[in-house]
Amino acid sequence: TKLNMSKTVCLWAAGVAALAVAGKGVLADDDWATAAKAFCEKSPQPCGWVADDSEEWNALNLGVYMEGTAIGGWYVPNEDGDGGQVTYPPTTLQSFSPSYFQDFPRFISCGCLGEEVQVTTVFKLEEGSDISTGAGLAAAKTRCSLGTGEQPADNDGSDCQDCSDGSSCDINVGEWYSDTVTFNPTDSPMVSIFVNPGQTLDVQSFDLFEGSGKDSLPAGHPSRGPTTRARPNARPSNSTGDHPKAPQHPSSSPTTPAGGAAFDPCYVHVDCKVGLEWVDQGRNGGGQGYYCKDGKTVDCNKDGACDTCQIHTDCSTGANWNADKWLWECST
């Protein structure tokens, strides 16, 4: 149950309506698909999450969805209290309201229009959290238990339940879960994780994939196979949300190094948290190779802009971040 849901949503809707009357250019949900289609025809985008303050974000006025008491922000202040940064999973979520639930949303790109997509989040409630009100993906979904270990276990599909709404699933403190929903985005770009007062949610991933079923998930995703972990946010990102043209020179060489296997090309910006994908046609001027799944590209010719990759050719199990070597490599 989302606490005081009807009251909060009414306040949020009234705020949106007021902004629209004030001429702020707010898009109603039923207008989003039309506006998104028009934007994508002018500026094609990959299917994925919309980057904050990107051209698409601003053109479709997505910032208005982030207003109101029902919306929690992904902004994490630093220890000194004089700044911070937007931090997407892995991260910890808490409701900042003592009375209301809060949604932590992300927004589907216009590049997903006409495509079936799957959204999955992996999380657990920390000790001391209230379990009576539910938490997790704010949608009708399938929830699977991933065990109570230090890390989420593989999902073999043996301990799953279908839930009719966002808060009807079983949930226990200290147990890992994956919440998954598959749909065609037609009405609204927003998909959210919700947290109620008195809860602390350890969210390890919040991913969007084209297609449905386990085959659409990357190798190593907890809902598919061996667990892969995004690297910690250990250094500031040099990436931006405006999709600059990628360089023609990848950050790994496709040639065979002395005494080793050939490596595939790689154009992955630093601080990529959502995993890699192979793009046959390249992206934003870059060639065929591996890219971050968030759709961002940067100029890998600039020092420190891109990660090092050593992903051998014919890698069929997906790429993992190796925190010891500080590079991306094939998981096997």
Protein backbone atom coordinates (compact mmCIF):
# COMPACT_ATOMS: atom_id res chain seq x y z
CA THR A 1 0.00 0.00 0.00
CA LYS A 2 1.33 3.43 -0.91
CA LEU A 3 0.60 5.73 2.01
CA ASN A 4 -1.78 8.63 1.31
CA MET A 5 -1.51 7.84 -2.36
CA SER A 6 -4.71 9.48 -3.59
CA LYS A 7 -4.03 12.75 -1.78
CA THR A 8 -0.46 12.96 -3.01
CA VAL A 9 -1.29 12.14 -6.60
CA CYS A 10 -4.09 14.72 -6.61
CA LEU A 11 -1.70 17.38 -5.36
CA TRP A 12 0.84 16.41 -8.01
CA ALA A 13 -1.77 16.45 -10.77
CA ALA A 14 -3.01 19.85 -9.65
CA GLY A 15 0.56 21.16 -9.75
CA VAL A 16 1.05 19.87 -13.29
CA ALA A 17 -2.20 21.45 -14.41
CA ALA A 18 -1.21 24.77 -12.86
CA LEU A 19 2.11 24.72 -14.67
CA ALA A 20 0.38 23.99 -17.96
CA VAL A 21 -1.96 26.96 -17.48
CA ALA A 22 1.05 29.10 -16.64
CA GLY A 23 2.51 28.31 -20.06
CA LYS A 24 5.38 26.09 -18.91
CA GLY A 25 4.85 23.77 -21.88
CA VAL A 26 3.89 20.70 -19.86
CA LEU A 27 2.97 17.64 -21.91
CA ALA A 28 -0.03 15.59 -20.79
CA ASP A 29 0.58 11.84 -20.70
CA ASP A 30 -1.69 11.25 -23.69
CA ASP A 31 0.39 13.74 -25.72
CA TRP A 32 3.75 12.20 -24.89
CA ALA A 33 3.76 9.53 -27.63
CA THR A 34 2.92 12.10 -30.32
CA ALA A 35 5.56 14.55 -29.14
CA ALA A 36 8.13 11.78 -28.62
CA LYS A 37 7.55 10.40 -32.10
CA ALA A 38 8.01 13.85 -33.62
CA PHE A 39 11.22 14.38 -31.64
CA CYS A 40 12.66 11.00 -32.66
CA GLU A 41 11.89 11.66 -36.33
CA LYS A 42 14.00 14.81 -36.08
CA SER A 43 16.64 13.40 -33.73
CA PRO A 44 16.71 9.56 -33.63
CA GLN A 45 17.51 8.09 -30.21
CA PRO A 46 18.42 4.58 -29.03
CA CYS A 47 15.87 2.72 -26.93
CA GLY A 48 16.90 3.27 -23.32
CA TRP A 49 16.55 5.69 -20.43
CA VAL A 50 16.52 9.39 -21.26
CA ALA A 51 19.64 11.12 -19.93
CA ASP A 52 19.02 13.98 -17.49
CA ASP A 53 19.03 17.43 -19.10
CA SER A 54 19.61 15.92 -22.54
CA GLU A 55 18.06 17.37 -25.68
CA GLU A 56 15.21 14.85 -25.46
CA TRP A 57 14.68 15.54 -21.75
CA ASN A 58 14.29 19.26 -22.40
CA ALA A 59 12.32 18.98 -25.65
CA LEU A 60 9.68 16.76 -24.01
CA ASN A 61 9.62 18.74 -20.73
CA LEU A 62 10.36 15.65 -18.65
CA GLY A 63 11.57 17.76 -15.75
CA VAL A 64 7.97 18.58 -14.85
CA TYR A 65 7.42 14.94 -13.82
CA MET A 66 10.08 15.46 -11.13
CA GLU A 67 8.06 18.11 -9.30
CA GLY A 68 5.80 17.52 -6.29
CA THR A 69 6.00 15.84 -2.89
CA ALA A 70 5.36 12.40 -4.38
CA ILE A 71 8.65 12.46 -6.32
CA GLY A 72 11.94 11.53 -4.72
CA GLY A 73 15.15 12.69 -6.36
CA TRP A 74 18.20 10.64 -7.27
CA TYR A 75 20.45 13.47 -6.02
CA VAL A 76 22.90 12.38 -3.33
CA PRO A 77 24.64 15.15 -1.31
CA ASN A 78 28.32 14.82 -0.54
CA GLU A 79 29.70 14.39 2.97
CA ASP A 80 30.64 18.07 3.24
CA GLY A 81 27.09 19.17 2.48
CA ASP A 82 28.21 21.67 -0.17
CA GLY A 83 27.24 19.72 -3.27
CA GLY A 84 26.47 16.28 -4.61
CA GLN A 85 25.47 14.45 -7.76
CA VAL A 86 22.68 12.47 -9.37
CA THR A 87 23.33 8.81 -8.51
CA TYR A 88 21.41 6.06 -10.25
CA PRO A 89 21.58 2.45 -9.01
CA PRO A 90 23.44 0.96 -7.34
CA THR A 91 22.30 3.36 -4.63
CA THR A 92 20.16 3.58 -1.48
CA LEU A 93 16.66 5.08 -1.53
CA GLN A 94 14.64 6.54 1.34
CA SER A 95 11.41 8.52 1.42
CA PHE A 96 12.21 12.08 2.46
CA SER A 97 8.60 12.67 3.50
CA PRO A 98 7.42 11.55 6.97
CA SER A 99 3.88 10.98 5.68
CA TYR A 100 3.94 10.09 1.99
CA PHE A 101 5.44 7.46 -0.24
CA GLN A 102 7.82 8.72 -2.91
CA ASP A 103 8.42 7.54 -6.47
CA PHE A 104 11.94 7.48 -7.89
CA PRO A 105 11.36 7.65 -11.65
CA ARG A 106 13.27 7.17 -14.87
CA PHE A 107 11.99 8.00 -18.34
CA ILE A 108 11.76 5.85 -21.46
CA SER A 109 13.29 7.27 -24.62
CA CYS A 110 11.32 7.97 -27.79
CA GLY A 111 13.54 5.32 -29.39
CA CYS A 112 11.44 2.68 -27.59
CA LEU A 113 8.16 3.71 -29.25
CA GLY A 114 6.67 0.77 -31.12
CA GLU A 115 8.93 -1.66 -29.26
CA GLU A 116 8.15 -4.07 -26.44
CA VAL A 117 10.38 -3.24 -23.48
CA GLN A 118 11.19 -4.89 -20.19
CA VAL A 119 12.00 -2.95 -17.02
CA THR A 120 13.66 -4.79 -14.13
CA THR A 121 14.91 -3.62 -10.74
CA VAL A 122 16.88 -5.67 -8.18
CA PHE A 123 16.64 -4.54 -4.55
CA LYS A 124 16.21 -5.43 -0.89
CA LEU A 125 14.75 -3.71 2.18
CA GLU A 126 17.42 -2.94 4.77
CA GLU A 127 17.12 -3.89 8.44
CA GLY A 128 14.67 -1.75 10.39
CA SER A 129 12.39 -1.08 7.42
CA ASP A 130 8.62 -1.27 7.65
CA ILE A 131 7.38 -4.15 5.47
CA SER A 132 3.65 -3.54 5.89
CA THR A 133 3.37 -1.01 3.07
CA GLY A 134 5.38 -2.66 0.30
CA ALA A 135 8.14 -1.24 -1.92
CA GLY A 136 9.67 -1.83 -5.33
CA LEU A 137 8.57 -1.32 -8.91
CA ALA A 138 5.44 0.84 -9.04
CA ALA A 139 3.48 -1.32 -11.49
CA ALA A 140 1.74 -4.65 -11.91
CA LYS A 141 4.74 -6.95 -12.19
CA THR A 142 6.43 -10.28 -11.58
CA ARG A 143 8.48 -10.47 -8.38
CA CYS A 144 11.11 -13.16 -7.87
CA SER A 145 13.07 -13.87 -4.70
CA LEU A 146 16.85 -13.81 -5.15
CA GLY A 147 17.71 -15.05 -1.66
CA THR A 148 19.11 -13.50 1.49
CA GLY A 149 22.82 -13.64 0.71
CA GLU A 150 25.24 -10.75 0.62
CA GLN A 151 24.61 -10.54 -3.13
CA PRO A 152 21.43 -11.43 -5.07
CA ALA A 153 21.39 -15.04 -6.24
CA ASP A 154 20.66 -16.31 -9.74
CA ASN A 155 17.00 -16.42 -10.65
CA ASP A 156 15.84 -19.88 -11.77
CA GLY A 157 12.18 -18.84 -11.86
CA SER A 158 11.17 -21.21 -9.06
CA ASP A 159 10.21 -18.56 -6.50
CA CYS A 160 8.20 -15.92 -8.36
CA GLN A 161 4.76 -14.36 -8.04
CA ASP A 162 2.62 -12.14 -10.24
CA CYS A 163 1.38 -8.99 -8.50
CA SER A 164 -1.72 -7.09 -9.56
CA ASP A 165 -0.41 -3.70 -8.49
CA GLY A 166 2.67 -1.97 -7.17
CA SER A 167 2.33 -3.04 -3.54
CA SER A 168 0.57 -6.43 -3.48
CA CYS A 169 3.72 -8.59 -3.58
CA ASP A 170 5.20 -10.38 -0.57
CA ILE A 171 8.28 -8.65 0.81
CA ASN A 172 10.68 -9.36 3.69
CA VAL A 173 13.49 -7.35 5.21
CA GLY A 174 16.95 -8.55 4.13
CA GLU A 175 15.72 -10.55 1.11
CA TRP A 176 16.74 -9.72 -2.46
CA TYR A 177 14.03 -9.40 -5.10
CA SER A 178 13.77 -8.70 -8.79
CA ASP A 179 10.65 -6.86 -10.01
CA THR A 180 9.95 -7.09 -13.75
CA VAL A 181 7.32 -5.61 -16.05
CA THR A 182 7.04 -6.01 -19.84
CA PHE A 183 4.96 -3.60 -21.91
CA ASN A 184 4.76 -1.34 -24.96
CA PRO A 185 5.28 2.33 -23.96
CA THR A 186 2.36 4.29 -25.41
CA ASP A 187 0.94 6.61 -22.73
CA SER A 188 3.69 7.86 -20.43
CA PRO A 189 7.51 7.69 -20.37
CA MET A 190 7.79 7.39 -16.58
CA VAL A 191 8.58 4.15 -14.73
CA SER A 192 9.24 4.36 -10.98
CA ILE A 193 10.51 2.56 -7.91
CA PHE A 194 8.43 3.52 -4.85
CA VAL A 195 9.53 3.73 -1.23
CA ASN A 196 7.30 4.33 1.79
CA PRO A 197 8.19 6.21 5.01
CA GLY A 198 10.29 4.17 7.41
CA GLN A 199 11.97 2.20 4.62
CA THR A 200 15.53 2.01 3.31
CA LEU A 201 15.82 0.32 -0.08
CA ASP A 202 19.16 -0.99 -1.35
CA VAL A 203 18.65 -0.80 -5.13
CA GLN A 204 21.30 -2.63 -7.12
CA SER A 205 19.87 -2.05 -10.61
CA PHE A 206 17.05 -0.33 -12.49
CA ASP A 207 17.36 -1.47 -16.10
CA LEU A 208 15.45 -1.09 -19.35
CA PHE A 209 15.81 -3.62 -22.17
CA GLU A 210 14.23 -4.04 -25.57
CA GLY A 211 12.18 -7.23 -25.93
CA SER A 212 10.75 -9.53 -23.26
CA GLY A 213 11.71 -12.66 -21.38
CA LYS A 214 15.09 -13.72 -20.04
CA ASP A 215 16.70 -13.66 -23.49
CA SER A 216 16.32 -9.88 -23.57
CA LEU A 217 18.38 -9.47 -20.39
CA PRO A 218 22.16 -9.14 -20.62
CA ALA A 219 24.36 -12.03 -19.61
CA GLY A 220 25.02 -11.81 -15.89
CA HIS A 221 21.81 -10.00 -14.93
CA PRO A 222 20.41 -11.46 -11.67
CA SER A 223 17.12 -12.18 -13.41
CA ARG A 224 18.87 -14.28 -16.02
CA GLY A 225 22.15 -15.84 -15.02
CA PRO A 226 25.39 -15.19 -13.06
CA THR A 227 25.26 -11.98 -11.08
CA THR A 228 27.18 -9.00 -12.45
CA ARG A 229 27.79 -5.90 -10.43
CA ALA A 230 28.03 -2.35 -11.68
CA ARG A 231 31.19 -0.74 -10.40
CA PRO A 232 30.91 1.70 -7.50
CA ASN A 233 30.70 5.41 -8.26
CA ALA A 234 34.33 5.85 -7.29
CA ARG A 235 35.20 8.80 -9.50
CA PRO A 236 33.25 11.63 -11.14
CA SER A 237 31.69 11.05 -14.53
CA ASN A 238 33.09 12.86 -17.56
CA SER A 239 30.03 11.94 -19.61
CA THR A 240 27.25 14.30 -20.59
CA GLY A 241 23.63 13.82 -21.49
CA ASP A 242 23.64 15.57 -24.86
CA HIS A 243 24.97 12.67 -26.94
CA PRO A 244 28.06 14.25 -28.51
CA LYS A 245 29.53 12.59 -31.55
CA ALA A 246 31.62 9.55 -30.68
CA PRO A 247 35.18 9.31 -32.01
CA GLN A 248 36.19 6.97 -34.77
CA HIS A 249 38.87 5.46 -32.53
CA PRO A 250 37.65 3.08 -29.82
CA SER A 251 39.16 2.74 -26.36
CA SER A 252 40.25 -0.83 -27.10
CA SER A 253 42.03 -2.09 -30.15
CA PRO A 254 40.43 -4.71 -32.42
CA THR A 255 43.88 -6.01 -33.30
CA THR A 256 45.51 -8.99 -31.62
CA PRO A 257 47.86 -7.98 -28.77
CA ALA A 258 51.11 -9.82 -28.38
CA GLY A 259 50.48 -13.19 -26.81
CA GLY A 260 46.74 -12.60 -26.34
CA ALA A 261 43.34 -12.72 -27.97
CA ALA A 262 41.89 -10.08 -30.28
CA PHE A 263 39.76 -7.43 -28.55
CA ASP A 264 36.56 -5.91 -29.88
CA PRO A 265 36.19 -2.13 -30.29
CA CYS A 266 34.77 -0.32 -27.28
CA TYR A 267 33.31 3.20 -26.88
CA VAL A 268 32.23 3.18 -23.20
CA HIS A 269 32.17 6.44 -21.22
CA VAL A 270 33.46 6.41 -17.65
CA ASP A 271 30.95 5.80 -14.88
CA CYS A 272 28.76 3.54 -17.03
CA LYS A 273 26.44 1.92 -14.47
CA VAL A 274 23.94 0.01 -16.60
CA GLY A 275 26.20 -2.45 -18.43
CA LEU A 276 27.39 -2.71 -22.02
CA GLU A 277 25.75 -3.67 -25.28
CA TRP A 278 27.08 -4.53 -28.73
CA VAL A 279 25.94 -2.07 -31.41
CA ASP A 280 26.40 -3.36 -34.96
CA GLN A 281 25.66 -0.04 -36.64
CA GLY A 282 27.65 2.09 -34.21
CA ARG A 283 26.27 5.11 -32.38
CA ASN A 284 26.51 8.88 -32.89
CA GLY A 285 29.40 8.64 -35.32
CA GLY A 286 31.27 5.82 -33.59
CA GLY A 287 31.93 2.51 -35.27
CA GLN A 288 30.71 -0.99 -34.55
CA GLY A 289 31.56 -2.04 -31.00
CA TYR A 290 30.57 -2.02 -27.33
CA TYR A 291 28.73 1.00 -25.87
CA CYS A 292 27.17 1.84 -22.50
CA LYS A 293 23.51 0.83 -22.50
CA ASP A 294 22.41 4.27 -21.25
CA GLY A 295 22.83 5.57 -24.81
CA LYS A 296 25.46 8.18 -23.95
CA THR A 297 28.57 8.66 -26.07
CA VAL A 298 31.60 10.86 -25.45
CA ASP A 299 34.81 11.64 -27.29
CA CYS A 300 37.10 8.76 -26.35
CA ASN A 301 40.07 10.72 -27.74
CA LYS A 302 39.87 12.95 -24.66
CA ASP A 303 41.95 11.74 -21.72
CA GLY A 304 39.83 10.12 -19.03
CA ALA A 305 36.59 10.24 -21.03
CA CYS A 306 36.28 6.50 -21.74
CA ASP A 307 36.96 3.30 -19.86
CA THR A 308 39.55 0.77 -20.90
CA CYS A 309 38.13 -2.43 -22.40
CA GLN A 310 39.70 -5.82 -23.04
CA ILE A 311 36.68 -7.76 -24.32
CA HIS A 312 37.87 -10.57 -26.55
CA THR A 313 36.14 -11.28 -29.85
CA ASP A 314 33.33 -13.84 -29.82
CA CYS A 315 32.50 -13.04 -26.17
CA SER A 316 29.07 -14.64 -25.74
CA THR A 317 28.54 -14.21 -21.98
CA GLY A 318 28.52 -10.42 -21.66
CA ALA A 319 31.05 -7.95 -20.28
CA ASN A 320 31.76 -7.26 -16.59
CA TRP A 321 33.59 -4.41 -14.89
CA ASN A 322 36.82 -5.67 -13.26
CA ALA A 323 37.43 -3.32 -10.33
CA ASP A 324 40.90 -4.79 -9.72
CA LYS A 325 42.11 -4.16 -13.26
CA TRP A 326 39.87 -1.07 -13.71
CA LEU A 327 38.60 -2.19 -17.10
CA TRP A 328 35.73 -4.00 -18.88
CA GLU A 329 36.36 -7.61 -19.88
CA CYS A 330 34.42 -10.65 -21.02
CA SER A 331 32.74 -12.35 -18.06
CA THR A 332 34.31 -15.71 -19.03
